[in-house]
Amino acid sequence: MVELPLGQESVARTKKIVHVDMDAFYASVEQRDNPSYRGKPLVVGGSPNQRGVVAAASYEARKFGIHSAMPSVTAFVFDVAAGIAKCPGLIFVRPRFDVYREISAAIHAIFKHYSDFVEGVALDEAYLDVTENKQNIPYASTIARHIKTAIFQETQLTATAGVSINKFLAKMASGQNKPNGLTVILPEDAIAFVEQLPIEKFHGIGEVTAAKMHSLGIHTGADLKMRSLTELTHHFGKAGHYYYKIARAEDDRPVEANRVRKSIGAETSFARDLTDHNEMLQELEQIAQIVEQRLEQHETRGRTLTLKIKFSDYHQITRSKTMLASISELSTIFEIAKALFESIDLENRSIRLLGISLSNLDNAKQTQVIQLPLFQNGNIIF
């Protein structure tokens, strides 16, 4: 038992959060349902001969650097001179979102057996606040083990779980021991864990931001913690507040059990700023393909499309268009995004980020967010 001083507990230190992340979910489902795919490099989505985006990659494919959101032609890449593919024997499979949604529903039913405070992030990922749980189990790590076992018995799929005192730490914990792992970050270990963590491993810090932090001499959580809030907001804008808090292992975001998805989108930060107009449009089309996949995953459409552009100087602009009817098709998404893009005078400026999102979703509803009452007795057990 880890006991916190009475009257001094913070919001972050009164919670027990479990983050569950299915292992290579879409790819694992395909390998489960087709024995000939097992043990082989496989991607869901796209094809070697047409434009498309990888929705998921098996662990066998990941060994070759293939990952989700990668253009499928990049995943395939055949070296004519050498006569070899980037990933020999790579299998391309069309996504079956109806199957993935059905399995996801079964997994969420397992979550609900332990807590009503479940925040689904995607079909394959969720946070659970188990500070007070339906089974009155005192240890969050025990609940995580029960959930992992139940998921495997129900679906024959594995999941990795992270357990800690807030959402950020639970998310970081679940990424430490994949696949089929379980990692616990205790309250007394939280600061030390964050301090030793390479900055590029932080959830919420992408490749481009990590590169900028490196240029500022920030390489670890300890380096980040040494920077003032003023300095971080100067360099990173509003995100600086988030970086300041997570450097101290703080995250007061609640698990939002009835969170309503108001928009669906995707964005890409580029390792090098884009200056070529055609390359910008190619990247925009890839982003549109990811948005189409996500709309299909969530069985929804949207009426308002928003284009987001961040320039090399971090200046950001958005342009939006609202249609009379909802859309979800790739061709329409890209056509509208391209028109918005073409309406902007780039003035020879280079671009570091592009994004597309759809809002005014067909399934959007006004729902009250339920927040879990704080655990008041000063005790927290993992």
Protein backbone atom coordinates (compact mmCIF):
# COMPACT_ATOMS: atom_id res chain seq x y z
CA MET A 1 0.00 0.00 0.00
CA VAL A 2 1.23 3.46 -0.92
CA GLU A 3 -0.17 6.09 1.41
CA LEU A 4 -0.37 9.77 0.52
CA PRO A 5 -0.34 12.51 3.21
CA LEU A 6 -3.88 13.32 4.27
CA GLY A 7 -5.08 16.67 2.97
CA GLN A 8 -2.18 16.97 0.52
CA GLU A 9 -3.20 14.57 -2.21
CA SER A 10 -3.43 16.08 -5.70
CA VAL A 11 -5.93 15.11 -8.37
CA ALA A 12 -3.23 13.15 -10.19
CA ARG A 13 -2.24 11.20 -7.10
CA THR A 14 -5.71 10.05 -6.06
CA LYS A 15 -6.45 7.96 -9.10
CA LYS A 16 -5.72 4.48 -10.36
CA ILE A 17 -5.72 4.46 -14.15
CA VAL A 18 -5.37 1.48 -16.49
CA HIS A 19 -4.53 1.99 -20.15
CA VAL A 20 -5.25 -1.01 -22.39
CA ASP A 21 -3.81 -1.18 -25.91
CA MET A 22 -4.51 -4.13 -28.19
CA ASP A 23 -1.40 -5.55 -29.86
CA ALA A 24 -1.30 -4.75 -33.62
CA PHE A 25 -5.09 -5.04 -33.47
CA TYR A 26 -6.25 -5.11 -37.11
CA ALA A 27 -3.27 -7.17 -38.24
CA SER A 28 -3.66 -9.59 -35.33
CA VAL A 29 -7.33 -10.12 -36.17
CA GLU A 30 -6.40 -11.01 -39.75
CA GLN A 31 -3.70 -13.41 -38.57
CA ARG A 32 -6.13 -14.98 -36.11
CA ASP A 33 -8.79 -15.53 -38.78
CA ASN A 34 -6.42 -16.76 -41.50
CA PRO A 35 -3.84 -19.27 -40.25
CA SER A 36 -1.75 -18.84 -43.43
CA TYR A 37 -0.98 -15.26 -42.34
CA ARG A 38 0.43 -16.20 -38.95
CA GLY A 39 4.08 -15.44 -38.38
CA LYS A 40 4.27 -13.50 -41.63
CA PRO A 41 4.72 -9.77 -42.33
CA LEU A 42 1.28 -8.34 -43.01
CA VAL A 43 -0.29 -4.91 -43.41
CA VAL A 44 -3.94 -3.98 -43.37
CA GLY A 45 -4.88 -1.35 -45.95
CA GLY A 46 -3.41 -0.16 -49.22
CA SER A 47 -1.76 -2.24 -51.93
CA PRO A 48 1.71 -2.45 -53.50
CA ASN A 49 0.52 -1.07 -56.84
CA GLN A 50 -1.88 1.72 -55.88
CA ARG A 51 -1.89 4.69 -53.59
CA GLY A 52 -3.08 3.87 -50.14
CA VAL A 53 -2.20 4.05 -46.48
CA VAL A 54 -1.25 1.29 -44.05
CA ALA A 55 -3.91 1.06 -41.35
CA ALA A 56 -1.98 -1.47 -39.26
CA ALA A 57 1.15 -3.60 -39.48
CA SER A 58 1.90 -6.96 -37.88
CA TYR A 59 4.92 -7.23 -35.61
CA GLU A 60 6.68 -9.23 -38.32
CA ALA A 61 6.26 -6.25 -40.69
CA ARG A 62 7.29 -3.72 -38.05
CA LYS A 63 10.74 -5.30 -37.93
CA PHE A 64 11.25 -3.80 -41.41
CA GLY A 65 10.24 -0.31 -40.27
CA ILE A 66 6.68 -0.57 -41.58
CA HIS A 67 4.06 1.19 -39.46
CA SER A 68 0.53 2.57 -39.57
CA ALA A 69 -0.13 5.74 -41.61
CA MET A 70 2.79 4.87 -43.90
CA PRO A 71 1.99 5.04 -47.65
CA SER A 72 1.57 1.47 -48.88
CA VAL A 73 3.97 2.03 -51.76
CA THR A 74 6.61 3.04 -49.21
CA ALA A 75 5.92 -0.15 -47.26
CA PHE A 76 6.40 -2.22 -50.42
CA VAL A 77 9.37 -0.38 -52.08
CA PHE A 78 11.02 -2.75 -54.52
CA ASP A 79 14.73 -2.23 -55.19
CA VAL A 80 15.11 -3.07 -58.86
CA ALA A 81 18.91 -3.07 -58.76
CA ALA A 82 19.08 -5.39 -55.78
CA GLY A 83 16.02 -7.39 -56.84
CA ILE A 84 14.50 -7.36 -53.35
CA ALA A 85 11.53 -5.79 -51.65
CA LYS A 86 11.85 -3.72 -48.50
CA CYS A 87 9.93 -6.46 -46.72
CA PRO A 88 10.07 -9.77 -48.64
CA GLY A 89 6.77 -11.61 -48.73
CA LEU A 90 4.76 -8.65 -47.40
CA ILE A 91 1.04 -9.46 -47.43
CA PHE A 92 -1.56 -6.74 -48.11
CA VAL A 93 -5.05 -7.31 -46.68
CA ARG A 94 -8.16 -5.17 -47.10
CA PRO A 95 -9.51 -3.85 -43.77
CA ARG A 96 -12.68 -5.40 -42.33
CA PHE A 97 -13.89 -2.65 -40.05
CA ASP A 98 -17.19 -4.38 -39.33
CA VAL A 99 -15.22 -7.26 -37.78
CA TYR A 100 -12.91 -4.93 -35.85
CA ARG A 101 -15.89 -3.01 -34.45
CA GLU A 102 -17.58 -6.23 -33.32
CA ILE A 103 -14.44 -7.38 -31.49
CA SER A 104 -13.95 -3.92 -30.00
CA ALA A 105 -17.50 -4.00 -28.62
CA ALA A 106 -16.76 -7.33 -26.92
CA ILE A 107 -13.58 -5.91 -25.40
CA HIS A 108 -15.40 -2.84 -24.10
CA ALA A 109 -17.99 -5.13 -22.51
CA ILE A 110 -15.11 -6.67 -20.54
CA PHE A 111 -13.98 -3.21 -19.45
CA LYS A 112 -17.50 -2.42 -18.22
CA HIS A 113 -17.36 -5.48 -15.97
CA TYR A 114 -14.81 -3.59 -13.88
CA SER A 115 -15.66 0.10 -14.29
CA ASP A 116 -18.21 2.42 -15.86
CA PHE A 117 -15.50 5.00 -16.32
CA VAL A 118 -14.08 3.84 -19.65
CA GLU A 119 -12.78 6.28 -22.25
CA GLY A 120 -12.38 4.67 -25.64
CA VAL A 121 -9.61 6.34 -27.62
CA ALA A 122 -9.95 4.08 -30.65
CA LEU A 123 -11.31 0.63 -31.46
CA ASP A 124 -8.18 -0.90 -29.96
CA GLU A 125 -7.35 1.42 -27.08
CA ALA A 126 -9.01 2.71 -23.89
CA TYR A 127 -8.41 4.26 -20.48
CA LEU A 128 -10.17 2.94 -17.38
CA ASP A 129 -10.44 4.74 -14.06
CA VAL A 130 -10.57 1.90 -11.52
CA THR A 131 -10.01 3.97 -8.37
CA GLU A 132 -13.37 2.67 -7.25
CA ASN A 133 -14.34 -0.39 -9.27
CA LYS A 134 -17.32 -2.70 -9.54
CA GLN A 135 -15.47 -5.75 -8.25
CA ASN A 136 -13.96 -3.94 -5.25
CA ILE A 137 -10.53 -5.16 -6.22
CA PRO A 138 -7.93 -3.10 -4.32
CA TYR A 139 -5.09 -3.46 -6.82
CA ALA A 140 -5.27 -1.82 -10.26
CA SER A 141 -2.59 -4.22 -11.50
CA THR A 142 -4.84 -7.15 -10.58
CA ILE A 143 -7.67 -5.64 -12.59
CA ALA A 144 -5.32 -5.17 -15.55
CA ARG A 145 -4.29 -8.84 -15.39
CA HIS A 146 -7.93 -9.96 -15.21
CA ILE A 147 -8.78 -7.79 -18.23
CA LYS A 148 -5.88 -9.15 -20.28
CA THR A 149 -6.88 -12.72 -19.49
CA ALA A 150 -10.56 -12.08 -20.27
CA ILE A 151 -9.70 -10.43 -23.60
CA PHE A 152 -7.59 -13.41 -24.66
CA GLN A 153 -10.25 -15.93 -23.59
CA GLU A 154 -12.95 -13.98 -25.44
CA THR A 155 -11.06 -13.04 -28.60
CA GLN A 156 -7.81 -15.08 -28.74
CA LEU A 157 -6.01 -11.72 -29.06
CA THR A 158 -3.43 -10.21 -26.75
CA ALA A 159 -3.39 -6.78 -25.15
CA THR A 160 -0.78 -4.75 -23.32
CA ALA A 161 -1.70 -2.74 -20.22
CA GLY A 162 -0.17 0.13 -18.32
CA VAL A 163 -1.11 1.09 -14.76
CA SER A 164 -0.35 4.31 -12.95
CA ILE A 165 -1.72 7.43 -11.24
CA ASN A 166 -2.81 9.39 -14.32
CA LYS A 167 -3.54 9.00 -18.01
CA PHE A 168 -0.15 10.16 -19.25
CA LEU A 169 1.79 7.73 -17.07
CA ALA A 170 -0.60 4.84 -17.77
CA LYS A 171 -0.19 5.46 -21.51
CA MET A 172 3.59 5.55 -21.17
CA ALA A 173 3.53 2.37 -19.09
CA SER A 174 1.55 0.45 -21.72
CA GLY A 175 4.22 1.22 -24.30
CA GLN A 176 7.05 -0.25 -22.24
CA ASN A 177 6.55 -3.97 -22.68
CA LYS A 178 4.68 -4.81 -25.89
CA PRO A 179 3.29 -7.16 -26.95
CA ASN A 180 1.23 -8.90 -24.24
CA GLY A 181 2.88 -6.97 -21.42
CA LEU A 182 1.92 -5.26 -18.19
CA THR A 183 3.85 -2.37 -16.65
CA VAL A 184 3.08 -0.54 -13.42
CA ILE A 185 4.48 2.89 -12.57
CA LEU A 186 4.07 3.43 -8.84
CA PRO A 187 3.50 6.93 -7.43
CA GLU A 188 6.94 7.01 -5.79
CA ASP A 189 8.59 6.00 -9.08
CA ALA A 190 6.75 8.45 -11.35
CA ILE A 191 9.22 11.34 -11.25
CA ALA A 192 12.26 9.12 -11.76
CA PHE A 193 10.56 7.32 -14.66
CA VAL A 194 9.80 10.58 -16.47
CA GLU A 195 13.24 12.04 -15.83
CA GLN A 196 15.08 9.14 -17.49
CA LEU A 197 12.72 8.88 -20.46
CA PRO A 198 14.09 10.02 -23.86
CA ILE A 199 12.08 12.99 -25.04
CA GLU A 200 11.08 11.30 -28.30
CA LYS A 201 9.35 8.57 -26.26
CA PHE A 202 6.92 11.01 -24.61
CA HIS A 203 3.29 10.62 -25.61
CA GLY A 204 2.28 13.88 -27.27
CA ILE A 205 5.76 14.75 -28.54
CA GLY A 206 6.18 13.91 -32.21
CA GLU A 207 9.23 13.61 -34.41
CA VAL A 208 9.35 17.27 -35.42
CA THR A 209 8.84 18.60 -31.88
CA ALA A 210 11.44 16.17 -30.55
CA ALA A 211 13.92 17.46 -33.12
CA LYS A 212 13.28 21.03 -32.02
CA MET A 213 13.69 20.05 -28.36
CA HIS A 214 17.00 18.39 -29.22
CA SER A 215 18.13 21.63 -30.84
CA LEU A 216 17.32 23.38 -27.55
CA GLY A 217 19.35 20.85 -25.56
CA ILE A 218 16.32 18.92 -24.30
CA HIS A 219 16.98 15.19 -24.63
CA THR A 220 15.32 13.61 -21.58
CA GLY A 221 12.50 14.25 -19.17
CA ALA A 222 15.04 15.64 -16.71
CA ASP A 223 16.14 18.20 -19.31
CA LEU A 224 12.52 19.14 -19.98
CA LYS A 225 11.83 19.57 -16.27
CA MET A 226 14.61 22.14 -16.00
CA ARG A 227 12.85 24.49 -18.44
CA SER A 228 10.45 27.10 -17.12
CA LEU A 229 6.82 27.38 -18.18
CA THR A 230 7.63 30.74 -19.78
CA GLU A 231 10.40 29.23 -21.88
CA LEU A 232 8.34 26.27 -23.00
CA THR A 233 5.34 28.37 -24.02
CA HIS A 234 7.68 30.72 -25.87
CA HIS A 235 9.03 27.88 -27.98
CA PHE A 236 5.95 25.64 -28.25
CA GLY A 237 2.91 27.83 -27.66
CA LYS A 238 -0.02 26.35 -25.75
CA ALA A 239 1.54 22.89 -25.91
CA GLY A 240 4.23 24.23 -23.58
CA HIS A 241 1.77 23.98 -20.68
CA TYR A 242 1.31 20.28 -21.38
CA TYR A 243 5.07 19.68 -21.65
CA TYR A 244 5.67 21.54 -18.38
CA LYS A 245 3.22 19.31 -16.51
CA ILE A 246 4.20 15.93 -17.93
CA ALA A 247 7.85 16.69 -17.17
CA ARG A 248 6.69 16.62 -13.54
CA ALA A 249 4.59 13.45 -14.05
CA GLU A 250 1.42 15.53 -13.71
CA ASP A 251 -1.75 15.03 -15.73
CA ASP A 252 -5.12 16.05 -14.29
CA ARG A 253 -7.22 15.03 -17.30
CA PRO A 254 -10.16 12.88 -16.17
CA VAL A 255 -11.20 9.64 -17.80
CA GLU A 256 -14.19 10.92 -19.75
CA ALA A 257 -16.64 8.05 -19.70
CA ASN A 258 -19.16 9.65 -22.06
CA ARG A 259 -16.80 11.68 -24.19
CA VAL A 260 -18.48 12.70 -27.42
CA ARG A 261 -16.37 12.67 -30.53
CA LYS A 262 -16.94 16.04 -32.19
CA SER A 263 -14.50 15.62 -35.06
CA ILE A 264 -12.38 13.04 -36.83
CA GLY A 265 -9.16 13.94 -38.55
CA ALA A 266 -5.47 13.35 -39.11
CA GLU A 267 -2.39 15.49 -39.43
CA THR A 268 1.26 14.99 -40.28
CA SER A 269 4.30 16.88 -39.04
CA PHE A 270 7.12 16.60 -41.54
CA ALA A 271 10.69 15.78 -40.62
CA ARG A 272 11.75 18.41 -43.15
CA ASP A 273 9.69 21.42 -44.20
CA LEU A 274 7.88 21.03 -47.51
CA THR A 275 8.63 23.53 -50.25
CA ASP A 276 7.42 21.70 -53.38
CA HIS A 277 3.75 22.26 -54.27
CA ASN A 278 3.21 18.79 -55.77
CA GLU A 279 4.75 17.13 -52.73
CA MET A 280 2.39 19.11 -50.51
CA LEU A 281 -0.60 17.83 -52.48
CA GLN A 282 0.67 14.24 -52.33
CA GLU A 283 0.97 14.49 -48.55
CA LEU A 284 -2.48 16.06 -48.36
CA GLU A 285 -3.94 13.12 -50.28
CA GLN A 286 -2.28 10.64 -47.91
CA ILE A 287 -3.81 12.49 -44.95
CA ALA A 288 -7.23 12.42 -46.66
CA GLN A 289 -6.91 8.64 -46.98
CA ILE A 290 -6.26 8.29 -43.25
CA VAL A 291 -9.30 10.47 -42.50
CA GLU A 292 -11.45 8.28 -44.76
CA GLN A 293 -10.26 5.17 -42.89
CA ARG A 294 -11.07 6.72 -39.53
CA LEU A 295 -14.53 7.81 -40.65
CA GLU A 296 -15.17 4.23 -41.76
CA GLN A 297 -13.91 2.87 -38.45
CA HIS A 298 -16.39 5.06 -36.56
CA GLU A 299 -19.23 4.58 -39.07
CA THR A 300 -19.80 8.28 -39.47
CA ARG A 301 -19.69 11.17 -41.94
CA GLY A 302 -19.20 14.90 -41.53
CA ARG A 303 -20.37 18.17 -43.07
CA THR A 304 -17.58 20.59 -42.13
CA LEU A 305 -14.07 20.02 -43.46
CA THR A 306 -11.20 21.96 -41.91
CA LEU A 307 -7.74 22.25 -43.42
CA LYS A 308 -4.88 23.01 -41.03
CA ILE A 309 -1.51 24.36 -42.11
CA LYS A 310 1.48 25.12 -39.89
CA PHE A 311 4.37 26.96 -41.51
CA SER A 312 8.07 26.63 -40.73
CA ASP A 313 7.87 29.62 -38.38
CA TYR A 314 5.10 27.82 -36.39
CA HIS A 315 2.46 30.28 -37.63
CA GLN A 316 -0.74 28.30 -38.08
CA ILE A 317 -3.84 28.90 -40.18
CA THR A 318 -7.07 26.97 -40.79
CA ARG A 319 -9.62 27.09 -43.58
CA SER A 320 -13.05 25.43 -43.39
CA LYS A 321 -15.96 24.63 -45.66
CA THR A 322 -19.38 23.33 -44.66
CA MET A 323 -21.31 21.20 -47.15
CA LEU A 324 -25.07 20.75 -47.47
CA ALA A 325 -24.65 16.98 -47.18
CA SER A 326 -22.27 14.88 -45.09
CA ILE A 327 -19.24 13.33 -46.77
CA SER A 328 -16.87 10.43 -46.10
CA GLU A 329 -15.48 9.42 -49.50
CA LEU A 330 -11.78 9.92 -50.18
CA SER A 331 -12.27 11.64 -53.52
CA THR A 332 -14.59 14.25 -52.01
CA ILE A 333 -12.45 14.82 -48.92
CA PHE A 334 -9.34 15.36 -51.00
CA GLU A 335 -11.13 17.52 -53.59
CA ILE A 336 -12.41 19.92 -50.91
CA ALA A 337 -9.13 19.94 -48.97
CA LYS A 338 -7.21 20.61 -52.19
CA ALA A 339 -9.53 23.50 -53.11
CA LEU A 340 -9.02 25.06 -49.68
CA PHE A 341 -5.29 24.55 -50.00
CA GLU A 342 -5.17 26.13 -53.46
CA SER A 343 -7.03 29.18 -52.15
CA ILE A 344 -4.15 30.05 -49.82
CA ASP A 345 -1.34 32.32 -50.96
CA LEU A 346 1.72 30.44 -49.75
CA GLU A 347 4.07 33.30 -50.63
CA ASN A 348 6.97 30.86 -51.11
CA ARG A 349 6.56 29.73 -47.50
CA SER A 350 7.54 26.25 -46.41
CA ILE A 351 5.15 23.96 -44.52
CA ARG A 352 5.93 21.83 -41.46
CA LEU A 353 2.44 20.38 -40.82
CA LEU A 354 -0.74 19.60 -42.74
CA GLY A 355 -4.00 18.35 -41.29
CA ILE A 356 -7.58 17.58 -42.32
CA SER A 357 -10.55 17.09 -40.02
CA LEU A 358 -14.29 16.62 -40.42
CA SER A 359 -16.78 17.92 -37.87
CA ASN A 360 -20.57 18.27 -37.67
CA LEU A 361 -20.59 14.48 -37.58
CA ASP A 362 -23.76 12.52 -38.23
CA ASN A 363 -23.50 10.78 -34.86
CA ALA A 364 -22.56 13.86 -32.78
CA LYS A 365 -24.74 14.25 -29.66
CA GLN A 366 -24.69 16.57 -26.72
CA THR A 367 -23.79 14.34 -23.75
CA GLN A 368 -22.76 15.28 -20.26
CA VAL A 369 -19.27 14.16 -19.32
CA ILE A 370 -19.25 12.16 -16.10
CA GLN A 371 -16.24 12.70 -13.88
CA LEU A 372 -15.23 10.17 -11.27
CA PRO A 373 -15.37 11.48 -7.69
CA LEU A 374 -11.95 11.81 -6.08
CA PHE A 375 -10.67 9.04 -3.84
CA GLN A 376 -10.75 10.83 -0.49
CA ASN A 377 -9.20 8.53 2.11
CA GLY A 378 -5.61 9.37 1.16
CA ASN A 379 -4.71 5.80 0.22
CA ILE A 380 -3.82 4.55 -3.22
CA ILE A 381 -3.00 0.92 -3.90
CA PHE A 382 -1.43 -0.67 -6.96
